[in-house]
Amino acid sequence: MIKYNKPYPTIGELIKDKDYDYVSYRMLIPGFDEENGEFAGCFSSKNGEIIPLDYDTYYESEEVIASEEWNMPKEGIENGLTVVVEGEFL
């Protein structure tokens, strides 16, 4: 997992040059979650555009505090990405 320093890259910056079959969107709430956050959704990307896989909304402008590229060929995922964003309790 690559951990970033401020200024954090955005989701849009991470997906602009590469298409991803599956992006695991994880949220880290400081002081409450494990190191890589909790699963909070998923999407794919094509030509820098976010394509939700779970009918949720994701924003290209959201800052990413950590990320990791991966693949799972047996699951049909050649280009996977995990992004961790910082969340907060409402």
N, C-alpha and C. Protein backbone atom coordinates (compact mmCIF):
# COMPACT_ATOMS: atom_id res chain seq x y z
N MET A 1 0.86 -1.17 0.00
CA MET A 1 0.00 0.00 0.00
C MET A 1 0.91 1.24 0.00
N ILE A 2 0.64 2.15 -0.92
CA ILE A 2 1.37 3.41 -0.99
C ILE A 2 0.61 4.42 -0.14
N LYS A 3 1.27 5.00 0.85
CA LYS A 3 0.65 6.03 1.69
C LYS A 3 1.17 7.39 1.23
N TYR A 4 0.25 8.33 1.07
CA TYR A 4 0.59 9.64 0.53
C TYR A 4 0.67 10.68 1.63
N ASN A 5 1.42 11.74 1.34
CA ASN A 5 1.49 12.91 2.20
C ASN A 5 0.70 14.02 1.54
N LYS A 6 0.32 15.03 2.31
CA LYS A 6 -0.38 16.19 1.75
C LYS A 6 0.57 16.92 0.82
N PRO A 7 0.12 17.47 -0.27
CA PRO A 7 -1.26 17.40 -0.77
C PRO A 7 -1.55 16.01 -1.34
N TYR A 8 -2.67 15.45 -0.92
CA TYR A 8 -3.04 14.11 -1.35
C TYR A 8 -3.49 14.11 -2.81
N PRO A 9 -3.19 13.03 -3.55
CA PRO A 9 -3.73 12.93 -4.91
C PRO A 9 -5.24 12.68 -4.82
N THR A 10 -5.94 12.96 -5.89
CA THR A 10 -7.38 12.71 -5.93
C THR A 10 -7.64 11.40 -6.66
N ILE A 11 -8.85 10.90 -6.50
CA ILE A 11 -9.25 9.70 -7.25
C ILE A 11 -9.07 9.96 -8.74
N GLY A 12 -9.50 11.12 -9.20
CA GLY A 12 -9.39 11.46 -10.62
C GLY A 12 -7.96 11.41 -11.12
N GLU A 13 -7.02 11.89 -10.32
CA GLU A 13 -5.61 11.86 -10.72
C GLU A 13 -5.09 10.42 -10.81
N LEU A 14 -5.56 9.56 -9.93
CA LEU A 14 -5.08 8.17 -9.93
C LEU A 14 -5.66 7.36 -11.09
N ILE A 15 -6.86 7.70 -11.56
CA ILE A 15 -7.50 6.89 -12.61
C ILE A 15 -7.40 7.51 -14.00
N LYS A 16 -6.81 8.70 -14.13
CA LYS A 16 -6.85 9.40 -15.41
C LYS A 16 -6.07 8.71 -16.53
N ASP A 17 -5.01 7.99 -16.19
CA ASP A 17 -4.16 7.40 -17.22
C ASP A 17 -4.28 5.89 -17.35
N LYS A 18 -5.19 5.28 -16.60
CA LYS A 18 -5.30 3.83 -16.63
C LYS A 18 -6.74 3.42 -16.33
N ASP A 19 -7.23 2.44 -17.07
CA ASP A 19 -8.56 1.90 -16.83
C ASP A 19 -8.46 0.81 -15.77
N TYR A 20 -9.41 0.78 -14.86
CA TYR A 20 -9.44 -0.24 -13.80
C TYR A 20 -10.73 -1.04 -13.90
N ASP A 21 -10.59 -2.37 -13.86
CA ASP A 21 -11.75 -3.26 -13.88
C ASP A 21 -12.55 -3.14 -12.58
N TYR A 22 -11.82 -2.91 -11.49
CA TYR A 22 -12.45 -2.88 -10.17
C TYR A 22 -11.63 -1.98 -9.26
N VAL A 23 -12.31 -1.02 -8.63
CA VAL A 23 -11.67 -0.16 -7.64
C VAL A 23 -12.38 -0.39 -6.32
N SER A 24 -11.63 -0.85 -5.33
CA SER A 24 -12.15 -1.04 -3.98
C SER A 24 -12.01 0.28 -3.24
N TYR A 25 -13.13 0.86 -2.85
CA TYR A 25 -13.17 2.16 -2.18
C TYR A 25 -13.27 1.90 -0.68
N ARG A 26 -12.24 2.30 0.05
CA ARG A 26 -12.20 2.05 1.49
C ARG A 26 -12.14 3.37 2.24
N MET A 27 -12.77 3.40 3.41
CA MET A 27 -12.81 4.63 4.20
C MET A 27 -12.13 4.39 5.55
N LEU A 28 -11.23 5.30 5.89
CA LEU A 28 -10.51 5.23 7.15
C LEU A 28 -11.01 6.35 8.05
N ILE A 29 -11.50 6.00 9.22
CA ILE A 29 -11.90 6.99 10.21
C ILE A 29 -10.81 6.98 11.28
N PRO A 30 -9.99 8.03 11.34
CA PRO A 30 -8.85 8.05 12.26
C PRO A 30 -9.27 7.72 13.70
N GLY A 31 -8.51 6.81 14.30
CA GLY A 31 -8.77 6.42 15.67
C GLY A 31 -9.81 5.33 15.83
N PHE A 32 -10.48 4.94 14.74
CA PHE A 32 -11.55 3.95 14.83
C PHE A 32 -11.36 2.75 13.92
N ASP A 33 -10.68 2.92 12.82
CA ASP A 33 -10.58 1.84 11.83
C ASP A 33 -9.19 1.23 11.80
N GLU A 34 -9.15 0.05 11.20
CA GLU A 34 -7.86 -0.58 10.98
C GLU A 34 -7.05 0.24 9.99
N GLU A 35 -5.81 -0.12 9.81
CA GLU A 35 -4.87 0.66 9.02
C GLU A 35 -5.33 0.97 7.60
N ASN A 36 -5.98 0.02 6.93
CA ASN A 36 -6.38 0.22 5.53
C ASN A 36 -7.85 0.56 5.37
N GLY A 37 -8.52 0.94 6.44
CA GLY A 37 -9.91 1.36 6.37
C GLY A 37 -10.88 0.22 6.19
N GLU A 38 -12.14 0.58 6.13
CA GLU A 38 -13.24 -0.37 5.96
C GLU A 38 -13.78 -0.27 4.54
N PHE A 39 -14.17 -1.39 3.97
CA PHE A 39 -14.76 -1.39 2.63
C PHE A 39 -16.02 -0.53 2.64
N ALA A 40 -16.12 0.39 1.67
CA ALA A 40 -17.26 1.29 1.61
C ALA A 40 -17.89 1.35 0.23
N GLY A 41 -17.40 0.56 -0.73
CA GLY A 41 -18.00 0.56 -2.06
C GLY A 41 -17.01 0.15 -3.13
N CYS A 42 -17.51 0.19 -4.38
CA CYS A 42 -16.65 -0.21 -5.49
C CYS A 42 -17.12 0.44 -6.79
N PHE A 43 -16.17 0.63 -7.68
CA PHE A 43 -16.46 1.17 -9.00
C PHE A 43 -15.39 0.70 -9.97
N SER A 44 -15.60 0.93 -11.24
CA SER A 44 -14.57 0.71 -12.24
C SER A 44 -14.28 2.06 -12.87
N SER A 45 -13.28 2.11 -13.72
CA SER A 45 -12.99 3.37 -14.40
C SER A 45 -12.58 3.09 -15.84
N LYS A 46 -12.98 4.00 -16.70
CA LYS A 46 -12.62 3.91 -18.12
C LYS A 46 -12.43 5.33 -18.62
N ASN A 47 -11.28 5.58 -19.26
CA ASN A 47 -10.94 6.90 -19.79
C ASN A 47 -11.07 8.00 -18.73
N GLY A 48 -10.69 7.68 -17.50
CA GLY A 48 -10.73 8.66 -16.43
C GLY A 48 -12.09 8.89 -15.82
N GLU A 49 -13.10 8.15 -16.27
CA GLU A 49 -14.47 8.30 -15.75
C GLU A 49 -14.77 7.21 -14.73
N ILE A 50 -15.46 7.57 -13.67
CA ILE A 50 -15.88 6.61 -12.64
C ILE A 50 -17.18 5.96 -13.08
N ILE A 51 -17.23 4.62 -12.99
CA ILE A 51 -18.43 3.85 -13.33
C ILE A 51 -18.82 3.05 -12.09
N PRO A 52 -19.82 3.53 -11.31
CA PRO A 52 -20.20 2.83 -10.08
C PRO A 52 -20.65 1.40 -10.37
N LEU A 53 -20.23 0.47 -9.52
CA LEU A 53 -20.65 -0.93 -9.63
C LEU A 53 -21.71 -1.26 -8.58
N ASP A 54 -21.99 -0.32 -7.69
CA ASP A 54 -22.92 -0.57 -6.59
C ASP A 54 -23.99 0.52 -6.48
N TYR A 55 -24.18 1.30 -7.53
CA TYR A 55 -25.20 2.35 -7.59
C TYR A 55 -24.96 3.48 -6.61
N ASP A 56 -23.75 3.60 -6.08
CA ASP A 56 -23.41 4.69 -5.18
C ASP A 56 -22.75 5.81 -5.99
N THR A 57 -22.42 6.91 -5.35
CA THR A 57 -21.79 8.03 -6.02
C THR A 57 -20.37 8.21 -5.47
N TYR A 58 -19.43 8.38 -6.39
CA TYR A 58 -18.03 8.59 -6.03
C TYR A 58 -17.56 9.84 -6.77
N TYR A 59 -16.64 10.56 -6.15
CA TYR A 59 -16.20 11.83 -6.72
C TYR A 59 -14.73 11.79 -7.11
N GLU A 60 -14.45 12.22 -8.33
CA GLU A 60 -13.07 12.27 -8.82
C GLU A 60 -12.22 13.22 -7.99
N SER A 61 -12.84 14.21 -7.35
CA SER A 61 -12.11 15.21 -6.57
C SER A 61 -11.76 14.75 -5.16
N GLU A 62 -12.22 13.56 -4.77
CA GLU A 62 -11.96 13.09 -3.41
C GLU A 62 -10.48 12.73 -3.22
N GLU A 63 -9.90 13.20 -2.12
CA GLU A 63 -8.49 12.95 -1.85
C GLU A 63 -8.26 11.53 -1.35
N VAL A 64 -7.16 10.94 -1.81
CA VAL A 64 -6.80 9.56 -1.48
C VAL A 64 -5.59 9.59 -0.55
N ILE A 65 -5.70 8.93 0.61
CA ILE A 65 -4.57 8.93 1.55
C ILE A 65 -3.66 7.72 1.35
N ALA A 66 -4.17 6.68 0.65
CA ALA A 66 -3.35 5.50 0.34
C ALA A 66 -3.97 4.77 -0.84
N SER A 67 -3.14 4.03 -1.58
CA SER A 67 -3.67 3.24 -2.70
C SER A 67 -2.74 2.07 -2.99
N GLU A 68 -3.30 1.11 -3.71
CA GLU A 68 -2.51 -0.06 -4.11
C GLU A 68 -3.12 -0.67 -5.37
N GLU A 69 -2.29 -0.93 -6.37
CA GLU A 69 -2.74 -1.65 -7.56
C GLU A 69 -2.60 -3.14 -7.32
N TRP A 70 -3.48 -3.93 -7.92
CA TRP A 70 -3.46 -5.37 -7.74
C TRP A 70 -4.21 -6.04 -8.88
N ASN A 71 -4.17 -7.36 -8.93
CA ASN A 71 -4.96 -8.10 -9.92
C ASN A 71 -5.43 -9.41 -9.31
N MET A 72 -6.50 -9.93 -9.84
CA MET A 72 -7.06 -11.22 -9.44
C MET A 72 -7.56 -11.90 -10.71
N PRO A 73 -6.65 -12.44 -11.52
CA PRO A 73 -7.03 -13.01 -12.81
C PRO A 73 -8.13 -14.08 -12.72
N LYS A 74 -8.13 -14.88 -11.66
CA LYS A 74 -9.16 -15.91 -11.52
C LYS A 74 -10.55 -15.32 -11.34
N GLU A 75 -10.61 -14.07 -10.85
CA GLU A 75 -11.88 -13.37 -10.67
C GLU A 75 -12.20 -12.46 -11.85
N GLY A 76 -11.34 -12.47 -12.88
CA GLY A 76 -11.55 -11.63 -14.05
C GLY A 76 -11.10 -10.19 -13.88
N ILE A 77 -10.28 -9.93 -12.87
CA ILE A 77 -9.80 -8.57 -12.62
C ILE A 77 -8.32 -8.51 -13.00
N GLU A 78 -8.05 -7.86 -14.13
CA GLU A 78 -6.67 -7.69 -14.58
C GLU A 78 -6.04 -6.43 -14.00
N ASN A 79 -6.84 -5.37 -13.84
CA ASN A 79 -6.35 -4.10 -13.32
C ASN A 79 -7.24 -3.68 -12.16
N GLY A 80 -6.79 -3.98 -10.94
CA GLY A 80 -7.53 -3.60 -9.74
C GLY A 80 -6.80 -2.49 -9.01
N LEU A 81 -7.56 -1.73 -8.25
CA LEU A 81 -7.00 -0.63 -7.47
C LEU A 81 -7.77 -0.53 -6.17
N THR A 82 -7.05 -0.36 -5.08
CA THR A 82 -7.67 -0.04 -3.80
C THR A 82 -7.33 1.41 -3.50
N VAL A 83 -8.35 2.20 -3.14
CA VAL A 83 -8.13 3.57 -2.70
C VAL A 83 -8.67 3.70 -1.28
N VAL A 84 -7.93 4.40 -0.44
CA VAL A 84 -8.35 4.64 0.94
C VAL A 84 -8.54 6.15 1.09
N VAL A 85 -9.73 6.54 1.51
CA VAL A 85 -10.05 7.94 1.73
C VAL A 85 -10.31 8.15 3.22
N GLU A 86 -10.17 9.38 3.66
CA GLU A 86 -10.41 9.66 5.07
C GLU A 86 -11.87 10.00 5.27
N GLY A 87 -12.48 9.39 6.27
CA GLY A 87 -13.88 9.64 6.57
C GLY A 87 -14.02 10.27 7.94
N GLU A 88 -15.28 10.52 8.32
CA GLU A 88 -15.55 11.08 9.64
C GLU A 88 -16.93 10.63 10.09
N PHE A 89 -17.12 10.61 11.39
CA PHE A 89 -18.44 10.29 11.92
C PHE A 89 -19.34 11.49 11.73
N LEU A 90 -20.58 11.27 11.36
CA LEU A 90 -21.53 12.37 11.20
C LEU A 90 -22.44 12.47 12.40
